[in-house]
Amino acid sequence: GERYSLTKELVAVTNTRGIGKKDLVLNDATPHVEVNPETYEVRADGELLTCQPATELPMAQRYFLF
């Protein structure tokens, strides 16, 4: 087979279909998300989520993000 010059041992990953949010120790949040189809307001557990518009979209043309 093919060889890679890696310093760490490679191990096969198993049982990935059984992994869920409860298994993610640092990210187990499962908020109820609502999107208003007219205003595009997004709420998580009833709290309005906002952010500033992006000033730069790297690689956007290559991957057709809009």
PDB file of N, CA and C in Angstrom:
ATOM      1  N   GLY A   1       0.805  -1.192   0.000  1.00  0.00           N
ATOM      2  CA  GLY A   1       0.000   0.000   0.000  1.00  0.00           C
ATOM      3  C   GLY A   1       0.845   1.251   0.000  1.00  0.00           C
ATOM      4  N   GLU A   2       0.155   2.339   0.017  1.00  0.00           N
ATOM      5  CA  GLU A   2       0.788   3.652   0.001  1.00  0.00           C
ATOM      6  C   GLU A   2       1.272   4.023   1.401  1.00  0.00           C
ATOM      7  N   ARG A   3       2.394   4.703   1.501  1.00  0.00           N
ATOM      8  CA  ARG A   3       2.946   5.110   2.797  1.00  0.00           C
ATOM      9  C   ARG A   3       2.950   6.633   2.905  1.00  0.00           C
ATOM     10  N   TYR A   4       2.652   7.103   4.118  1.00  0.00           N
ATOM     11  CA  TYR A   4       2.674   8.529   4.417  1.00  0.00           C
ATOM     12  C   TYR A   4       3.715   8.765   5.497  1.00  0.00           C
ATOM     13  N   SER A   5       4.400   9.881   5.450  1.00  0.00           N
ATOM     14  CA  SER A   5       5.394  10.161   6.490  1.00  0.00           C
ATOM     15  C   SER A   5       4.716  10.887   7.656  1.00  0.00           C
ATOM     16  N   LEU A   6       4.006  10.109   8.473  1.00  0.00           N
ATOM     17  CA  LEU A   6       3.310  10.642   9.638  1.00  0.00           C
ATOM     18  C   LEU A   6       4.050  10.231  10.898  1.00  0.00           C
ATOM     19  N   THR A   7       4.000  11.090  11.911  1.00  0.00           N
ATOM     20  CA  THR A   7       4.670  10.768  13.164  1.00  0.00           C
ATOM     21  C   THR A   7       3.725  10.106  14.158  1.00  0.00           C
ATOM     22  N   LYS A   8       2.416  10.229  13.955  1.00  0.00           N
ATOM     23  CA  LYS A   8       1.446   9.628  14.871  1.00  0.00           C
ATOM     24  C   LYS A   8       0.857   8.363  14.262  1.00  0.00           C
ATOM     25  N   GLU A   9       0.471   7.457  15.136  1.00  0.00           N
ATOM     26  CA  GLU A   9      -0.132   6.199  14.700  1.00  0.00           C
ATOM     27  C   GLU A   9      -1.551   6.446  14.188  1.00  0.00           C
ATOM     28  N   LEU A  10      -1.930   5.764  13.130  1.00  0.00           N
ATOM     29  CA  LEU A  10      -3.281   5.858  12.594  1.00  0.00           C
ATOM     30  C   LEU A  10      -4.131   4.743  13.182  1.00  0.00           C
ATOM     31  N   VAL A  11      -5.366   5.091  13.546  1.00  0.00           N
ATOM     32  CA  VAL A  11      -6.277   4.118  14.137  1.00  0.00           C
ATOM     33  C   VAL A  11      -7.607   4.200  13.403  1.00  0.00           C
ATOM     34  N   ALA A  12      -8.222   3.065  13.130  1.00  0.00           N
ATOM     35  CA  ALA A  12      -9.519   3.038  12.451  1.00  0.00           C
ATOM     36  C   ALA A  12     -10.597   3.616  13.362  1.00  0.00           C
ATOM     37  N   VAL A  13     -11.512   4.377  12.793  1.00  0.00           N
ATOM     38  CA  VAL A  13     -12.622   4.962  13.538  1.00  0.00           C
ATOM     39  C   VAL A  13     -13.819   4.031  13.404  1.00  0.00           C
ATOM     40  N   THR A  14     -14.479   3.746  14.526  1.00  0.00           N
ATOM     41  CA  THR A  14     -15.643   2.856  14.499  1.00  0.00           C
ATOM     42  C   THR A  14     -16.817   3.492  15.232  1.00  0.00           C
ATOM     43  N   ASN A  15     -18.009   2.975  14.992  1.00  0.00           N
ATOM     44  CA  ASN A  15     -19.240   3.380  15.676  1.00  0.00           C
ATOM     45  C   ASN A  15     -19.549   4.867  15.528  1.00  0.00           C
ATOM     46  N   THR A  16     -19.292   5.448  14.379  1.00  0.00           N
ATOM     47  CA  THR A  16     -19.564   6.873  14.193  1.00  0.00           C
ATOM     48  C   THR A  16     -21.055   7.161  14.079  1.00  0.00           C
ATOM     49  N   ARG A  17     -21.843   6.202  13.643  1.00  0.00           N
ATOM     50  CA  ARG A  17     -23.291   6.424  13.526  1.00  0.00           C
ATOM     51  C   ARG A  17     -23.957   6.533  14.885  1.00  0.00           C
ATOM     52  N   GLY A  18     -23.309   6.039  15.916  1.00  0.00           N
ATOM     53  CA  GLY A  18     -23.881   6.090  17.251  1.00  0.00           C
ATOM     54  C   GLY A  18     -23.530   7.349  18.022  1.00  0.00           C
ATOM     55  N   ILE A  19     -22.727   8.232  17.452  1.00  0.00           N
ATOM     56  CA  ILE A  19     -22.320   9.458  18.139  1.00  0.00           C
ATOM     57  C   ILE A  19     -23.406  10.513  17.978  1.00  0.00           C
ATOM     58  N   GLY A  20     -23.774  11.143  19.082  1.00  0.00           N
ATOM     59  CA  GLY A  20     -24.794  12.191  19.055  1.00  0.00           C
ATOM     60  C   GLY A  20     -24.358  13.388  19.873  1.00  0.00           C
ATOM     61  N   LYS A  21     -25.236  14.370  19.991  1.00  0.00           N
ATOM     62  CA  LYS A  21     -24.909  15.591  20.733  1.00  0.00           C
ATOM     63  C   LYS A  21     -24.550  15.290  22.185  1.00  0.00           C
ATOM     64  N   LYS A  22     -25.179  14.289  22.786  1.00  0.00           N
ATOM     65  CA  LYS A  22     -24.890  13.960  24.187  1.00  0.00           C
ATOM     66  C   LYS A  22     -23.450  13.509  24.383  1.00  0.00           C
ATOM     67  N   ASP A  23     -22.825  13.020  23.313  1.00  0.00           N
ATOM     68  CA  ASP A  23     -21.438  12.560  23.383  1.00  0.00           C
ATOM     69  C   ASP A  23     -20.434  13.699  23.231  1.00  0.00           C
ATOM     70  N   LEU A  24     -20.880  14.865  22.791  1.00  0.00           N
ATOM     71  CA  LEU A  24     -19.983  16.002  22.578  1.00  0.00           C
ATOM     72  C   LEU A  24     -19.888  16.795  23.879  1.00  0.00           C
ATOM     73  N   VAL A  25     -18.867  16.536  24.643  1.00  0.00           N
ATOM     74  CA  VAL A  25     -18.725  17.087  25.988  1.00  0.00           C
ATOM     75  C   VAL A  25     -18.720  18.613  25.998  1.00  0.00           C
ATOM     76  N   LEU A  26     -18.087  19.245  25.023  1.00  0.00           N
ATOM     77  CA  LEU A  26     -17.975  20.706  25.010  1.00  0.00           C
ATOM     78  C   LEU A  26     -19.023  21.380  24.132  1.00  0.00           C
ATOM     79  N   ASN A  27     -19.911  20.611  23.492  1.00  0.00           N
ATOM     80  CA  ASN A  27     -20.925  21.200  22.617  1.00  0.00           C
ATOM     81  C   ASN A  27     -22.139  20.284  22.578  1.00  0.00           C
ATOM     82  N   ASP A  28     -22.898  20.272  23.675  1.00  0.00           N
ATOM     83  CA  ASP A  28     -24.063  19.402  23.726  1.00  0.00           C
ATOM     84  C   ASP A  28     -25.379  20.174  23.636  1.00  0.00           C
ATOM     85  N   ALA A  29     -25.330  21.447  23.260  1.00  0.00           N
ATOM     86  CA  ALA A  29     -26.536  22.273  23.160  1.00  0.00           C
ATOM     87  C   ALA A  29     -27.400  21.828  21.981  1.00  0.00           C
ATOM     88  N   THR A  30     -28.702  21.765  22.216  1.00  0.00           N
ATOM     89  CA  THR A  30     -29.657  21.455  21.144  1.00  0.00           C
ATOM     90  C   THR A  30     -30.822  22.440  21.244  1.00  0.00           C
ATOM     91  N   PRO A  31     -30.584  23.705  20.909  1.00  0.00           N
ATOM     92  CA  PRO A  31     -31.645  24.709  21.037  1.00  0.00           C
ATOM     93  C   PRO A  31     -32.740  24.506  19.996  1.00  0.00           C
ATOM     94  N   HIS A  32     -33.927  25.019  20.322  1.00  0.00           N
ATOM     95  CA  HIS A  32     -35.023  25.033  19.355  1.00  0.00           C
ATOM     96  C   HIS A  32     -34.788  26.244  18.451  1.00  0.00           C
ATOM     97  N   VAL A  33     -34.581  26.022  17.163  1.00  0.00           N
ATOM     98  CA  VAL A  33     -34.252  27.096  16.221  1.00  0.00           C
ATOM     99  C   VAL A  33     -35.469  27.411  15.363  1.00  0.00           C
ATOM    100  N   GLU A  34     -35.796  28.703  15.267  1.00  0.00           N
ATOM    101  CA  GLU A  34     -36.904  29.163  14.429  1.00  0.00           C
ATOM    102  C   GLU A  34     -36.381  30.212  13.457  1.00  0.00           C
ATOM    103  N   VAL A  35     -36.813  30.158  12.200  1.00  0.00           N
ATOM    104  CA  VAL A  35     -36.446  31.153  11.196  1.00  0.00           C
ATOM    105  C   VAL A  35     -37.733  31.736  10.641  1.00  0.00           C
ATOM    106  N   ASN A  36     -37.875  33.065  10.726  1.00  0.00           N
ATOM    107  CA  ASN A  36     -39.039  33.740  10.171  1.00  0.00           C
ATOM    108  C   ASN A  36     -38.850  33.823   8.660  1.00  0.00           C
ATOM    109  N   PRO A  37     -39.720  33.192   7.868  1.00  0.00           N
ATOM    110  CA  PRO A  37     -39.531  33.172   6.416  1.00  0.00           C
ATOM    111  C   PRO A  37     -39.718  34.524   5.744  1.00  0.00           C
ATOM    112  N   GLU A  38     -40.356  35.472   6.420  1.00  0.00           N
ATOM    113  CA  GLU A  38     -40.562  36.798   5.825  1.00  0.00           C
ATOM    114  C   GLU A  38     -39.439  37.764   6.161  1.00  0.00           C
ATOM    115  N   THR A  39     -38.948  37.717   7.403  1.00  0.00           N
ATOM    116  CA  THR A  39     -37.917  38.675   7.831  1.00  0.00           C
ATOM    117  C   THR A  39     -36.535  38.032   7.934  1.00  0.00           C
ATOM    118  N   TYR A  40     -36.469  36.717   7.866  1.00  0.00           N
ATOM    119  CA  TYR A  40     -35.228  35.945   8.021  1.00  0.00           C
ATOM    120  C   TYR A  40     -34.611  36.106   9.409  1.00  0.00           C
ATOM    121  N   GLU A  41     -35.404  36.529  10.391  1.00  0.00           N
ATOM    122  CA  GLU A  41     -34.901  36.576  11.759  1.00  0.00           C
ATOM    123  C   GLU A  41     -34.733  35.147  12.260  1.00  0.00           C
ATOM    124  N   VAL A  42     -33.630  34.917  12.960  1.00  0.00           N
ATOM    125  CA  VAL A  42     -33.349  33.587  13.500  1.00  0.00           C
ATOM    126  C   VAL A  42     -33.375  33.671  15.018  1.00  0.00           C
ATOM    127  N   ARG A  43     -34.098  32.744  15.631  1.00  0.00           N
ATOM    128  CA  ARG A  43     -34.182  32.685  17.089  1.00  0.00           C
ATOM    129  C   ARG A  43     -33.788  31.293  17.564  1.00  0.00           C
ATOM    130  N   ALA A  44     -33.032  31.262  18.649  1.00  0.00           N
ATOM    131  CA  ALA A  44     -32.667  30.004  19.298  1.00  0.00           C
ATOM    132  C   ALA A  44     -33.227  30.044  20.709  1.00  0.00           C
ATOM    133  N   ASP A  45     -34.103  29.103  21.021  1.00  0.00           N
ATOM    134  CA  ASP A  45     -34.803  29.079  22.308  1.00  0.00           C
ATOM    135  C   ASP A  45     -35.470  30.422  22.587  1.00  0.00           C
ATOM    136  N   GLY A  46     -36.033  31.047  21.551  1.00  0.00           N
ATOM    137  CA  GLY A  46     -36.755  32.302  21.692  1.00  0.00           C
ATOM    138  C   GLY A  46     -35.888  33.546  21.677  1.00  0.00           C
ATOM    139  N   GLU A  47     -34.571  33.410  21.727  1.00  0.00           N
ATOM    140  CA  GLU A  47     -33.664  34.565  21.745  1.00  0.00           C
ATOM    141  C   GLU A  47     -33.229  34.907  20.327  1.00  0.00           C
ATOM    142  N   LEU A  48     -33.410  36.185  19.948  1.00  0.00           N
ATOM    143  CA  LEU A  48     -33.033  36.646  18.617  1.00  0.00           C
ATOM    144  C   LEU A  48     -31.520  36.596  18.451  1.00  0.00           C
ATOM    145  N   LEU A  49     -31.059  35.975  17.372  1.00  0.00           N
ATOM    146  CA  LEU A  49     -29.626  35.885  17.088  1.00  0.00           C
ATOM    147  C   LEU A  49     -29.269  36.924  16.038  1.00  0.00           C
ATOM    148  N   THR A  50     -28.239  37.701  16.293  1.00  0.00           N
ATOM    149  CA  THR A  50     -27.814  38.734  15.348  1.00  0.00           C
ATOM    150  C   THR A  50     -26.299  38.684  15.176  1.00  0.00           C
ATOM    151  N   CYS A  51     -25.836  39.212  14.062  1.00  0.00           N
ATOM    152  CA  CYS A  51     -24.402  39.345  13.820  1.00  0.00           C
ATOM    153  C   CYS A  51     -24.196  40.443  12.786  1.00  0.00           C
ATOM    154  N   GLN A  52     -23.001  40.985  12.763  1.00  0.00           N
ATOM    155  CA  GLN A  52     -22.658  42.013  11.793  1.00  0.00           C
ATOM    156  C   GLN A  52     -22.485  41.370  10.418  1.00  0.00           C
ATOM    157  N   PRO A  53     -22.814  42.103   9.348  1.00  0.00           N
ATOM    158  CA  PRO A  53     -22.593  41.553   8.002  1.00  0.00           C
ATOM    159  C   PRO A  53     -21.110  41.280   7.769  1.00  0.00           C
ATOM    160  N   ALA A  54     -20.819  40.254   7.017  1.00  0.00           N
ATOM    161  CA  ALA A  54     -19.435  39.907   6.701  1.00  0.00           C
ATOM    162  C   ALA A  54     -18.826  40.969   5.797  1.00  0.00           C
ATOM    163  N   THR A  55     -17.590  41.330   6.078  1.00  0.00           N
ATOM    164  CA  THR A  55     -16.895  42.305   5.233  1.00  0.00           C
ATOM    165  C   THR A  55     -16.067  41.608   4.171  1.00  0.00           C
ATOM    166  N   GLU A  56     -15.833  40.313   4.361  1.00  0.00           N
ATOM    167  CA  GLU A  56     -14.996  39.554   3.436  1.00  0.00           C
ATOM    168  C   GLU A  56     -15.518  38.120   3.371  1.00  0.00           C
ATOM    169  N   LEU A  57     -15.611  37.570   2.176  1.00  0.00           N
ATOM    170  CA  LEU A  57     -16.058  36.188   2.000  1.00  0.00           C
ATOM    171  C   LEU A  57     -15.003  35.427   1.211  1.00  0.00           C
ATOM    172  N   PRO A  58     -13.991  34.899   1.887  1.00  0.00           N
ATOM    173  CA  PRO A  58     -12.935  34.197   1.174  1.00  0.00           C
ATOM    174  C   PRO A  58     -13.480  32.967   0.450  1.00  0.00           C
ATOM    175  N   MET A  59     -13.035  32.781  -0.760  1.00  0.00           N
ATOM    176  CA  MET A  59     -13.383  31.635  -1.600  1.00  0.00           C
ATOM    177  C   MET A  59     -14.861  31.573  -1.985  1.00  0.00           C
ATOM    178  N   ALA A  60     -15.632  32.650  -1.785  1.00  0.00           N
ATOM    179  CA  ALA A  60     -17.064  32.625  -2.079  1.00  0.00           C
ATOM    180  C   ALA A  60     -17.338  32.389  -3.558  1.00  0.00           C
ATOM    181  N   GLN A  61     -16.555  32.983  -4.442  1.00  0.00           N
ATOM    182  CA  GLN A  61     -16.790  32.782  -5.870  1.00  0.00           C
ATOM    183  C   GLN A  61     -16.486  31.348  -6.275  1.00  0.00           C
ATOM    184  N   ARG A  62     -15.484  30.770  -5.668  1.00  0.00           N
ATOM    185  CA  ARG A  62     -15.109  29.407  -6.040  1.00  0.00           C
ATOM    186  C   ARG A  62     -16.192  28.393  -5.675  1.00  0.00           C
ATOM    187  N   TYR A  63     -16.856  28.604  -4.539  1.00  0.00           N
ATOM    188  CA  TYR A  63     -17.838  27.638  -4.063  1.00  0.00           C
ATOM    189  C   TYR A  63     -19.277  28.111  -4.219  1.00  0.00           C
ATOM    190  N   PHE A  64     -19.523  29.234  -4.853  1.00  0.00           N
ATOM    191  CA  PHE A  64     -20.877  29.731  -5.137  1.00  0.00           C
ATOM    192  C   PHE A  64     -21.749  29.773  -3.887  1.00  0.00           C
ATOM    193  N   LEU A  65     -21.355  30.575  -2.896  1.00  0.00           N
ATOM    194  CA  LEU A  65     -22.108  30.658  -1.656  1.00  0.00           C
ATOM    195  C   LEU A  65     -23.352  31.520  -1.758  1.00  0.00           C
ATOM    196  N   PHE A  66     -23.516  32.253  -2.869  1.00  0.00           N
ATOM    197  CA  PHE A  66     -24.730  33.036  -3.002  1.00  0.00           C
ATOM    198  C   PHE A  66     -25.292  32.947  -4.364  1.00  0.00           C
TER     199      PHE A  66
END
